[in-house]
């Protein structure tokens, strides 16, 4: 058991394992339940709410916790959260996931579903409180996700009509925003560092211009904006972020899979913006929430596996290169995301059958990550460093 003590010495170790676990289990269980093969013993919610809420908040919450608490220690040049604090945060995340299956009343269910993000928010605030450059960016984002989760669960548990949609809009917008924000900071840096001699010139105005319309999409405008104005925001977000990605020279990274996978994930997000634009004018683009799935399964899932593999290798003192199993995981997750986002739009007659393959490929990719990286995440660094 000595090697397992390293599991809780920095946040990415337990939370990348938890993120991969929920990514493996949740889609498979939901597909089997949705298609009538598996009864799901949920207490107060139905399988559709469980699936959506868990991917929007459970999967993204584990990814964000693993990444942002690790990064915040670097930003502040301080010791990362570890030991009992990290065990407690992980336990709260697990408790939220388990609570769906416990015989709880509505009040206790609502409380247990909303413990993790406030705890994470507190830990991040304590880490960043004296660092305004990061505090005034990431604390509001995490606060928004916390409120989004409260709204989303409150509506369902207490049968209030409006706030579930508000919560979903806030959370989906903020997930997209934080991924694009972090990508703008790290992708050009990673590329310059990995590909010697490659020049990537980023004008100072490009990141604010790309992120501003994305920030507007974090506001729950449901019924509050005209179609033409919302279309203008979506079009501006899509065009500026596509232009920004082109400046990153993604084709130069094709031979570096652990870097190219990040570009594919960002492309999914940009395509999702385009899809949301067209969905305002063509009802078929709304079928089965295709835009949301391009964002979550494509954008967050693909960028997530790229970040998880990169951080798991780099922050444990290993060479940052994707081996054969890692590349297979990438391909499976990309295929699963494509099937989930594209089939409902262009081949709706195949939608139900496609769920088996979309969920299966995507989940299998994260299972491979678990099998390949579990020992990396629970064992000490080979170079002897603490974290």
Protein backbone atom coordinates (compact mmCIF):
# COMPACT_ATOMS: atom_id res chain seq x y z
CA UNK A 1 0.00 0.00 0.00
CA UNK A 2 2.99 2.30 0.23
CA UNK A 3 2.80 3.22 -3.46
CA UNK A 4 -0.85 4.22 -3.07
CA UNK A 5 0.11 7.04 -0.67
CA UNK A 6 1.25 8.97 -3.75
CA UNK A 7 -2.30 8.98 -5.13
CA UNK A 8 -3.26 11.91 -2.89
CA UNK A 9 -0.14 14.06 -3.08
CA UNK A 10 -1.43 16.26 -5.94
CA UNK A 11 -4.91 16.76 -7.35
CA UNK A 12 -4.56 15.45 -10.89
CA UNK A 13 -3.78 11.93 -9.64
CA UNK A 14 -7.12 11.04 -8.00
CA UNK A 15 -9.29 13.28 -10.14
CA UNK A 16 -8.03 12.07 -13.50
CA UNK A 17 -8.78 8.53 -12.34
CA UNK A 18 -12.26 9.62 -11.23
CA UNK A 19 -12.85 11.53 -14.48
CA UNK A 20 -11.89 8.47 -16.53
CA UNK A 21 -14.09 6.23 -14.37
CA UNK A 22 -17.21 8.32 -14.85
CA UNK A 23 -16.43 8.74 -18.55
CA UNK A 24 -16.19 4.96 -18.88
CA UNK A 25 -19.24 4.04 -16.79
CA UNK A 26 -21.83 6.77 -17.33
CA UNK A 27 -22.35 6.67 -21.13
CA UNK A 28 -22.46 2.87 -21.24
CA UNK A 29 -24.96 2.60 -18.40
CA UNK A 30 -27.12 5.38 -19.82
CA UNK A 31 -27.22 3.87 -23.32
CA UNK A 32 -28.17 0.45 -21.95
CA UNK A 33 -30.84 2.03 -19.76
CA UNK A 34 -32.16 4.37 -22.47
CA UNK A 35 -32.48 1.53 -24.96
CA UNK A 36 -34.27 -0.71 -22.47
CA UNK A 37 -31.55 -3.22 -21.61
CA UNK A 38 -30.73 -2.20 -18.04
CA UNK A 39 -32.98 -0.95 -15.24
CA UNK A 40 -31.26 1.89 -13.41
CA UNK A 41 -32.16 2.05 -9.67
CA UNK A 42 -32.13 5.82 -9.32
CA UNK A 43 -34.01 7.29 -6.36
CA UNK A 44 -35.47 10.69 -7.27
CA UNK A 45 -34.28 11.35 -10.83
CA UNK A 46 -34.71 9.69 -14.19
CA UNK A 47 -31.84 8.26 -16.29
CA UNK A 48 -31.85 11.19 -18.74
CA UNK A 49 -31.32 13.77 -15.99
CA UNK A 50 -28.70 11.55 -14.33
CA UNK A 51 -26.73 11.15 -17.55
CA UNK A 52 -26.83 14.82 -18.53
CA UNK A 53 -26.17 16.20 -15.07
CA UNK A 54 -23.29 13.81 -14.43
CA UNK A 55 -21.51 14.52 -17.70
CA UNK A 56 -22.05 18.26 -17.40
CA UNK A 57 -21.00 18.48 -13.74
CA UNK A 58 -19.50 15.16 -12.59
CA UNK A 59 -17.11 14.55 -15.50
CA UNK A 60 -16.25 18.22 -16.01
CA UNK A 61 -15.94 18.73 -12.24
CA UNK A 62 -13.33 15.99 -11.91
CA UNK A 63 -11.38 17.29 -14.91
CA UNK A 64 -11.47 20.88 -13.67
CA UNK A 65 -10.46 19.91 -10.12
CA UNK A 66 -7.59 17.77 -11.36
CA UNK A 67 -6.28 20.48 -13.65
CA UNK A 68 -6.98 23.73 -11.82
CA UNK A 69 -5.75 22.70 -8.37
CA UNK A 70 -2.56 21.38 -9.96
CA UNK A 71 -2.12 24.55 -12.01
CA UNK A 72 -2.93 26.86 -9.08
CA UNK A 73 -0.02 25.43 -7.11
CA UNK A 74 2.26 26.29 -10.04
CA UNK A 75 0.75 29.77 -10.44
CA UNK A 76 1.30 30.55 -6.76
CA UNK A 77 4.61 28.67 -6.37
CA UNK A 78 3.11 26.88 -3.40
CA UNK A 79 2.64 23.32 -2.23
CA UNK A 80 -0.36 21.65 -3.88
CA UNK A 81 -3.31 20.40 -1.90
CA UNK A 82 -2.66 16.84 -0.77
CA UNK A 83 -3.35 14.29 1.94
CA UNK A 84 -6.53 14.66 3.99
CA UNK A 85 -7.73 17.75 2.11
CA UNK A 86 -7.51 15.96 -1.23
CA UNK A 87 -9.03 12.78 0.21
CA UNK A 88 -11.97 14.80 1.56
CA UNK A 89 -12.55 16.57 -1.78
CA UNK A 90 -12.41 13.25 -3.63
CA UNK A 91 -14.79 11.67 -1.12
CA UNK A 92 -17.30 14.49 -1.60
CA UNK A 93 -17.16 14.00 -5.38
CA UNK A 94 -17.81 10.27 -4.92
CA UNK A 95 -20.63 10.96 -2.44
CA UNK A 96 -22.40 13.14 -5.01
CA UNK A 97 -22.22 10.33 -7.57
CA UNK A 98 -23.47 7.70 -5.09
CA UNK A 99 -26.28 9.88 -3.71
CA UNK A 100 -28.53 9.20 -6.73
CA UNK A 101 -28.88 5.59 -5.62
CA UNK A 102 -29.56 6.19 -1.91
CA UNK A 103 -33.07 6.30 -0.35
CA UNK A 104 -32.97 10.04 0.37
CA UNK A 105 -35.70 12.65 0.70
CA UNK A 106 -35.71 15.58 -1.71
CA UNK A 107 -33.98 18.04 0.62
CA UNK A 108 -31.08 15.74 1.47
CA UNK A 109 -30.72 14.70 -2.17
CA UNK A 110 -30.46 18.34 -3.22
CA UNK A 111 -27.85 19.06 -0.53
CA UNK A 112 -25.72 16.03 -1.37
CA UNK A 113 -25.79 16.94 -5.06
CA UNK A 114 -24.30 20.35 -4.32
CA UNK A 115 -21.34 19.80 -2.03
CA UNK A 116 -18.42 19.33 -4.40
CA UNK A 117 -18.28 22.61 -6.33
CA UNK A 118 -18.59 24.84 -3.21
CA UNK A 119 -15.77 22.84 -1.59
CA UNK A 120 -13.62 23.14 -4.72
CA UNK A 121 -14.43 26.85 -4.95
CA UNK A 122 -13.30 27.39 -1.35
CA UNK A 123 -10.02 25.54 -1.90
CA UNK A 124 -9.29 27.50 -5.06
CA UNK A 125 -10.11 30.81 -3.39
CA UNK A 126 -7.76 30.05 -0.49
CA UNK A 127 -5.02 29.24 -3.00
CA UNK A 128 -5.54 32.30 -5.23
CA UNK A 129 -6.74 34.96 -2.78
CA UNK A 130 -3.43 36.87 -2.94
CA UNK A 131 -3.00 36.42 -6.71
CA UNK A 132 -5.51 38.77 -8.40
CA UNK A 133 -4.43 37.92 -11.96
CA UNK A 134 -5.73 34.38 -11.54
CA UNK A 135 -8.30 35.02 -8.80
CA UNK A 136 -10.43 37.40 -10.82
CA UNK A 137 -10.57 34.97 -13.74
CA UNK A 138 -11.00 31.50 -12.28
CA UNK A 139 -13.00 32.25 -9.12
CA UNK A 140 -15.91 33.80 -11.11
CA UNK A 141 -15.83 30.85 -13.52
CA UNK A 142 -16.00 28.33 -10.70
CA UNK A 143 -18.66 30.37 -8.91
CA UNK A 144 -20.73 30.32 -12.10
CA UNK A 145 -20.40 26.56 -12.39
CA UNK A 146 -21.42 26.21 -8.74
CA UNK A 147 -24.55 28.30 -9.31
CA UNK A 148 -25.30 26.50 -12.56
CA UNK A 149 -25.24 23.16 -10.79
CA UNK A 150 -27.48 24.45 -8.01
CA UNK A 151 -30.00 25.82 -10.52
CA UNK A 152 -29.97 22.69 -12.64
CA UNK A 153 -30.52 20.31 -9.72
CA UNK A 154 -32.95 22.60 -7.88
CA UNK A 155 -35.39 22.71 -10.80
CA UNK A 156 -35.43 18.98 -11.21
CA UNK A 157 -35.62 18.02 -7.54
CA UNK A 158 -38.26 20.63 -6.67
CA UNK A 159 -39.99 20.70 -10.07
CA UNK A 160 -39.38 24.39 -10.77
CA UNK A 161 -39.67 24.97 -14.51
CA UNK A 162 -37.20 27.74 -15.30
CA UNK A 163 -33.94 27.20 -13.47
CA UNK A 164 -32.92 23.84 -14.94
CA UNK A 165 -32.51 25.44 -18.36
CA UNK A 166 -30.71 28.42 -16.83
CA UNK A 167 -28.33 26.11 -14.98
CA UNK A 168 -27.60 24.05 -18.07
CA UNK A 169 -26.97 27.16 -20.20
CA UNK A 170 -24.64 28.69 -17.59
CA UNK A 171 -22.67 25.47 -17.08
CA UNK A 172 -22.32 24.56 -20.76
CA UNK A 173 -21.23 28.10 -21.58
CA UNK A 174 -18.67 28.17 -18.78
CA UNK A 175 -17.26 24.75 -19.69
CA UNK A 176 -16.72 26.02 -23.25
CA UNK A 177 -15.27 29.29 -21.95
CA UNK A 178 -12.76 27.72 -19.56
CA UNK A 179 -11.53 25.23 -22.17
CA UNK A 180 -11.02 27.96 -24.77
CA UNK A 181 -9.45 30.28 -22.19
CA UNK A 182 -6.91 27.69 -21.05
CA UNK A 183 -6.29 26.56 -24.64
CA UNK A 184 -5.39 30.11 -25.61
CA UNK A 185 -2.75 30.12 -22.90
CA UNK A 186 -1.25 26.67 -23.24
CA UNK A 187 -1.61 25.48 -26.85
CA UNK A 188 0.74 28.07 -28.43
CA UNK A 189 3.19 27.55 -25.54
CA UNK A 190 3.14 23.76 -25.86
CA UNK A 191 3.57 24.04 -29.64
CA UNK A 192 6.56 26.40 -29.50
CA UNK A 193 8.17 24.22 -26.84
CA UNK A 194 7.66 20.94 -28.70
CA UNK A 195 8.40 22.03 -32.30
CA UNK A 196 11.71 23.82 -32.33
CA UNK A 197 11.94 26.83 -34.64
CA UNK A 198 8.19 27.13 -35.21
CA UNK A 199 7.05 30.73 -34.96
CA UNK A 200 3.56 31.39 -33.62
CA UNK A 201 2.77 35.09 -33.50
CA UNK A 202 -0.37 35.90 -31.52
CA UNK A 203 -1.63 39.52 -31.65
CA UNK A 204 -2.53 40.86 -28.21
CA UNK A 205 -6.14 41.46 -29.28
CA UNK A 206 -6.93 37.95 -30.58
CA UNK A 207 -7.63 36.23 -27.25
CA UNK A 208 -9.99 38.94 -25.91
CA UNK A 209 -11.75 39.13 -29.27
CA UNK A 210 -12.21 35.34 -29.41
CA UNK A 211 -13.30 34.98 -25.78
CA UNK A 212 -15.69 37.93 -25.50
CA UNK A 213 -18.55 36.42 -27.57
CA UNK A 214 -17.94 33.06 -25.87
CA UNK A 215 -18.36 34.81 -22.51
CA UNK A 216 -21.68 36.26 -23.72
CA UNK A 217 -22.84 32.71 -24.41
CA UNK A 218 -22.38 31.88 -20.71
CA UNK A 219 -25.37 34.09 -19.92
CA UNK A 220 -28.69 32.19 -20.00
CA UNK A 221 -30.36 34.24 -22.72
CA UNK A 222 -33.27 31.79 -23.00
CA UNK A 223 -36.08 33.73 -24.63
CA UNK A 224 -34.30 37.03 -23.91
CA UNK A 225 -32.50 37.72 -27.18
CA UNK A 226 -33.77 37.99 -30.72
CA UNK A 227 -32.74 35.21 -33.07
CA UNK A 228 -30.68 37.62 -35.16
CA UNK A 229 -28.71 38.93 -32.17
CA UNK A 230 -28.02 35.45 -30.79
CA UNK A 231 -26.98 34.35 -34.28
CA UNK A 232 -24.57 37.29 -34.47
CA UNK A 233 -22.96 36.32 -31.16
CA UNK A 234 -22.61 32.68 -32.21
CA UNK A 235 -21.18 33.63 -35.60
CA UNK A 236 -18.68 36.02 -34.01
CA UNK A 237 -17.63 33.35 -31.50
CA UNK A 238 -17.19 30.73 -34.23
CA UNK A 239 -15.26 32.93 -36.68
CA UNK A 240 -12.90 34.48 -34.13
CA UNK A 241 -12.08 31.14 -32.51
CA UNK A 242 -11.53 29.45 -35.85
CA UNK A 243 -9.23 32.32 -36.85
CA UNK A 244 -7.36 32.03 -33.55
CA UNK A 245 -6.90 28.29 -33.99
CA UNK A 246 -5.51 28.80 -37.49
CA UNK A 247 -2.90 31.14 -35.96
CA UNK A 248 -1.83 28.26 -33.71
CA UNK A 249 -0.74 26.34 -36.86
CA UNK A 250 -2.48 23.07 -35.94
CA UNK A 251 -1.32 21.21 -39.07
CA UNK A 252 2.28 21.56 -37.90
CA UNK A 253 1.42 19.34 -34.93
CA UNK A 254 0.00 16.35 -36.82
CA UNK A 255 3.16 14.33 -36.15
CA UNK A 256 2.92 15.07 -32.43
CA UNK A 257 -0.30 13.26 -31.36
CA UNK A 258 -0.22 14.40 -27.73
CA UNK A 259 -0.33 17.99 -29.04
CA UNK A 260 -2.53 17.48 -32.11
CA UNK A 261 -5.27 15.92 -29.94
CA UNK A 262 -5.76 19.32 -28.27
CA UNK A 263 -6.35 20.93 -31.67
CA UNK A 264 -8.92 18.28 -32.54
CA UNK A 265 -10.77 18.99 -29.31
CA UNK A 266 -10.77 22.74 -29.96
CA UNK A 267 -12.01 22.05 -33.48
CA UNK A 268 -14.95 20.14 -31.97
CA UNK A 269 -15.82 23.19 -29.87
CA UNK A 270 -15.59 25.51 -32.87
CA UNK A 271 -17.76 23.15 -34.92
CA UNK A 272 -20.22 23.10 -32.04
CA UNK A 273 -20.49 26.89 -32.27
CA UNK A 274 -21.15 26.62 -35.99
CA UNK A 275 -23.76 23.94 -35.34
CA UNK A 276 -25.52 26.08 -32.72
CA UNK A 277 -25.63 28.92 -35.26
CA UNK A 278 -27.33 26.74 -37.87
CA UNK A 279 -29.67 25.24 -35.28
CA UNK A 280 -31.30 28.65 -34.95
CA UNK A 281 -32.52 28.32 -38.53
CA UNK A 282 -32.78 24.56 -39.09
CA UNK A 283 -34.69 22.50 -36.54
CA UNK A 284 -32.96 19.26 -37.56
CA UNK A 285 -29.70 20.60 -36.06
CA UNK A 286 -31.35 20.56 -32.64
CA UNK A 287 -32.11 16.83 -32.71
CA UNK A 288 -30.75 15.01 -29.66
CA UNK A 289 -28.85 18.13 -28.48
CA UNK A 290 -26.15 17.57 -31.10
CA UNK A 291 -24.46 20.91 -30.39
CA UNK A 292 -24.18 20.17 -26.66
CA UNK A 293 -22.71 16.74 -27.41
CA UNK A 294 -20.13 18.21 -29.79
CA UNK A 295 -19.11 20.48 -26.92
CA UNK A 296 -19.08 17.86 -24.15
CA UNK A 297 -18.17 14.57 -25.85
CA UNK A 298 -16.08 16.27 -28.54
CA UNK A 299 -14.66 19.44 -27.04
CA UNK A 300 -14.34 18.59 -23.35
CA UNK A 301 -13.84 14.85 -23.90
CA UNK A 302 -11.10 15.18 -26.52
CA UNK A 303 -9.31 18.14 -24.94
CA UNK A 304 -9.76 16.35 -21.60
CA UNK A 305 -8.02 13.15 -22.68
CA UNK A 306 -5.24 15.26 -24.21
CA UNK A 307 -4.71 17.21 -20.99
CA UNK A 308 -5.03 14.08 -18.84
CA UNK A 309 -2.36 12.19 -20.75
CA UNK A 310 -0.03 15.18 -21.02
CA UNK A 311 -0.25 16.14 -17.33
CA UNK A 312 -0.10 12.51 -16.16
CA UNK A 313 3.19 12.06 -18.01
CA UNK A 314 4.77 15.48 -17.57
CA UNK A 315 3.91 15.94 -13.89
CA UNK A 316 5.19 12.47 -12.98
CA UNK A 317 8.58 13.05 -14.60
CA UNK A 318 8.00 10.98 -17.72
CA UNK A 319 8.55 11.75 -21.39
CA UNK A 320 5.54 13.63 -22.82
CA UNK A 321 4.80 11.37 -25.77
CA UNK A 322 1.74 9.36 -26.72
CA UNK A 323 2.45 5.63 -26.94
CA UNK A 324 0.41 3.23 -29.08
CA UNK A 325 -2.28 2.62 -26.44
CA UNK A 326 -2.67 6.36 -25.86
CA UNK A 327 -3.11 6.96 -29.58
CA UNK A 328 -5.76 4.21 -29.71
CA UNK A 329 -7.59 5.91 -26.82
CA UNK A 330 -7.49 9.22 -28.71
CA UNK A 331 -8.93 7.66 -31.88
CA UNK A 332 -11.74 5.86 -30.03
CA UNK A 333 -12.83 8.99 -28.17
CA UNK A 334 -12.78 11.05 -31.38
CA UNK A 335 -14.87 8.44 -33.21
CA UNK A 336 -17.35 8.24 -30.33
CA UNK A 337 -17.72 12.02 -30.23
CA UNK A 338 -18.19 12.26 -34.00
CA UNK A 339 -20.87 9.57 -33.99
CA UNK A 340 -22.71 11.20 -31.10
CA UNK A 341 -22.66 14.65 -32.63
CA UNK A 342 -23.07 13.98 -36.36
CA UNK A 343 -25.35 10.94 -36.73
CA UNK A 344 -28.45 12.58 -35.17
CA UNK A 345 -28.23 15.46 -37.67
CA UNK A 346 -27.47 13.76 -40.96
CA UNK A 347 -28.68 10.19 -40.35
CA UNK A 348 -31.50 10.47 -37.78
CA UNK A 349 -32.90 7.05 -38.73
CA UNK A 350 -29.67 5.52 -37.38
CA UNK A 351 -29.75 7.50 -34.13
CA UNK A 352 -30.74 4.73 -31.72
CA UNK A 353 -28.35 2.15 -33.19
CA UNK A 354 -25.56 4.72 -33.29
CA UNK A 355 -25.77 5.21 -29.53
CA UNK A 356 -24.28 1.76 -28.96
CA UNK A 357 -21.22 2.65 -31.02
CA UNK A 358 -20.90 6.28 -29.89
CA UNK A 359 -21.09 5.37 -26.21
CA UNK A 360 -19.01 2.24 -26.67
CA UNK A 361 -16.11 3.87 -28.51
CA UNK A 362 -16.02 6.91 -26.23
CA UNK A 363 -16.15 4.85 -23.04
CA UNK A 364 -13.58 2.36 -24.30
CA UNK A 365 -11.14 5.20 -24.95
CA UNK A 366 -11.33 6.27 -21.32
CA UNK A 367 -11.07 2.67 -20.12
CA UNK A 368 -7.80 2.39 -22.04
CA UNK A 369 -6.60 5.54 -20.29
CA UNK A 370 -7.44 3.94 -16.94
CA UNK A 371 -5.59 0.74 -17.75
CA UNK A 372 -2.59 2.51 -19.24
CA UNK A 373 -2.19 5.33 -16.71
CA UNK A 374 -3.47 3.88 -13.43
CA UNK A 375 -0.02 2.82 -12.26
CA UNK A 376 1.44 6.12 -13.45
CA UNK A 377 -1.05 7.97 -11.25
CA UNK A 378 -0.73 5.90 -8.08
CA UNK A 379 3.02 5.29 -8.02
CA UNK A 380 5.86 7.66 -7.09
CA UNK A 381 7.67 9.67 -9.74
CA UNK A 382 10.63 7.78 -11.19
CA UNK A 383 12.85 10.83 -10.65
CA UNK A 384 12.19 10.80 -6.89
CA UNK A 385 10.48 14.21 -6.73
CA UNK A 386 7.51 14.62 -4.41
CA UNK A 387 5.08 15.87 -7.12
